[in-house]
Amino acid sequence: MFLRALSVRTGEKRWEQAMLGSQSSWGGTLATAGDLVFVGDVAGDLVAHDAERGTPLRHFSTGNELAASPMTYAAGGRKHVAIASGGAIFTFALPG
């Protein structure tokens, strides 16, 4: 299984990252206007990738299987990303 970025204009593959497990074990994928791609992986990690190159930037272990997609929201003038894991919701302020 792979996380792939495709060009909207040409359909050409821009980059890909190998992912462990099957698609049904992923928490989901989210792309932001801030050039970040978030994915929940089979290990229960929320992973941030650089949207242009696909390079993994940050990993955060939630300690549980992810069954939901990451989401973004704004509060207090800042953008955040959140993900549900087990009985908890983890949220992080985005840079900028």
Protein backbone atom coordinates (compact mmCIF):
# COMPACT_ATOMS: atom_id res chain seq x y z
CA MET A 1 0.00 0.00 0.00
CA PHE A 2 1.15 3.51 -0.77
CA LEU A 3 0.27 7.08 0.06
CA ARG A 4 0.53 8.80 -3.35
CA ALA A 5 0.34 12.38 -4.54
CA LEU A 6 -0.85 12.90 -8.11
CA SER A 7 -0.80 16.01 -10.27
CA VAL A 8 -4.36 17.30 -10.72
CA ARG A 9 -3.48 18.64 -14.17
CA THR A 10 -1.74 15.58 -15.64
CA GLY A 11 -2.56 12.65 -13.37
CA GLU A 12 1.18 12.04 -13.11
CA LYS A 13 2.58 10.62 -9.88
CA ARG A 14 4.43 13.35 -7.92
CA TRP A 15 5.59 11.17 -5.01
CA GLU A 16 4.68 8.12 -2.97
CA GLN A 17 5.42 6.74 0.48
CA ALA A 18 5.09 3.05 1.36
CA MET A 19 2.52 2.40 4.10
CA LEU A 20 2.29 -0.65 6.36
CA GLY A 21 -0.91 -2.66 6.68
CA SER A 22 -3.99 -2.51 4.51
CA GLN A 23 -6.09 0.50 3.54
CA SER A 24 -8.80 -0.57 5.99
CA SER A 25 -6.30 -0.16 8.86
CA TRP A 26 -5.48 3.47 8.06
CA GLY A 27 -7.07 6.34 9.94
CA GLY A 28 -7.51 8.43 6.79
CA THR A 29 -5.73 11.23 4.93
CA LEU A 30 -6.01 15.03 5.02
CA ALA A 31 -4.29 17.64 2.82
CA THR A 32 -4.08 21.25 4.02
CA ALA A 33 -3.67 24.58 2.23
CA GLY A 34 -0.44 24.92 4.23
CA ASP A 35 1.26 22.21 2.10
CA LEU A 36 0.94 19.45 4.68
CA VAL A 37 -0.56 15.97 4.26
CA PHE A 38 -1.64 14.13 7.40
CA VAL A 39 -2.25 10.39 7.50
CA GLY A 40 -3.16 8.00 10.30
CA ASP A 41 -1.13 4.82 9.91
CA VAL A 42 -1.59 1.21 11.01
CA ALA A 43 0.72 1.73 14.02
CA GLY A 44 -1.63 4.38 15.46
CA ASP A 45 0.63 7.27 14.46
CA LEU A 46 -0.51 10.59 13.06
CA VAL A 47 2.12 11.41 10.42
CA ALA A 48 2.64 14.83 8.79
CA HIS A 49 4.19 14.84 5.30
CA ASP A 50 5.49 17.71 3.19
CA ALA A 51 2.87 17.97 0.41
CA GLU A 52 5.41 18.91 -2.29
CA ARG A 53 7.97 16.16 -1.70
CA GLY A 54 6.16 13.59 0.45
CA THR A 55 8.89 13.71 3.07
CA PRO A 56 7.62 12.65 6.51
CA LEU A 57 8.03 15.63 8.85
CA ARG A 58 6.53 14.52 12.18
CA HIS A 59 5.18 11.33 13.78
CA PHE A 60 2.96 11.32 16.84
CA SER A 61 2.04 7.99 18.43
CA THR A 62 -1.51 8.00 19.79
CA GLY A 63 -1.07 4.61 21.45
CA ASN A 64 -4.24 3.22 19.84
CA GLU A 65 -5.61 2.18 16.46
CA LEU A 66 -6.92 5.10 14.41
CA ALA A 67 -10.44 4.69 13.07
CA ALA A 68 -11.10 8.27 11.95
CA SER A 69 -9.55 10.68 9.48
CA PRO A 70 -7.61 13.71 10.71
CA MET A 71 -9.51 17.02 10.50
CA THR A 72 -8.62 20.70 10.67
CA TYR A 73 -10.33 23.61 12.37
CA ALA A 74 -9.58 27.19 13.41
CA ALA A 75 -9.83 28.48 16.98
CA GLY A 76 -8.42 31.59 18.58
CA GLY A 77 -6.96 32.74 15.29
CA ARG A 78 -4.89 29.56 14.89
CA LYS A 79 -5.31 26.49 12.70
CA HIS A 80 -5.31 23.06 14.34
CA VAL A 81 -5.34 19.41 13.28
CA ALA A 82 -7.16 16.79 15.35
CA ILE A 83 -7.61 13.02 15.27
CA ALA A 84 -9.65 10.58 17.37
CA SER A 85 -7.84 7.54 18.75
CA GLY A 86 -9.28 5.06 21.20
CA GLY A 87 -11.35 7.15 23.64
CA ALA A 88 -9.27 10.32 23.15
CA ILE A 89 -9.06 13.22 20.73
CA PHE A 90 -5.58 14.59 20.06
CA THR A 91 -5.25 18.14 18.73
CA PHE A 92 -2.22 20.14 17.60
CA ALA A 93 -1.74 23.80 16.64
CA LEU A 94 -0.28 24.13 13.14
CA PRO A 95 2.67 26.43 12.46
CA GLY A 96 1.97 29.81 10.96
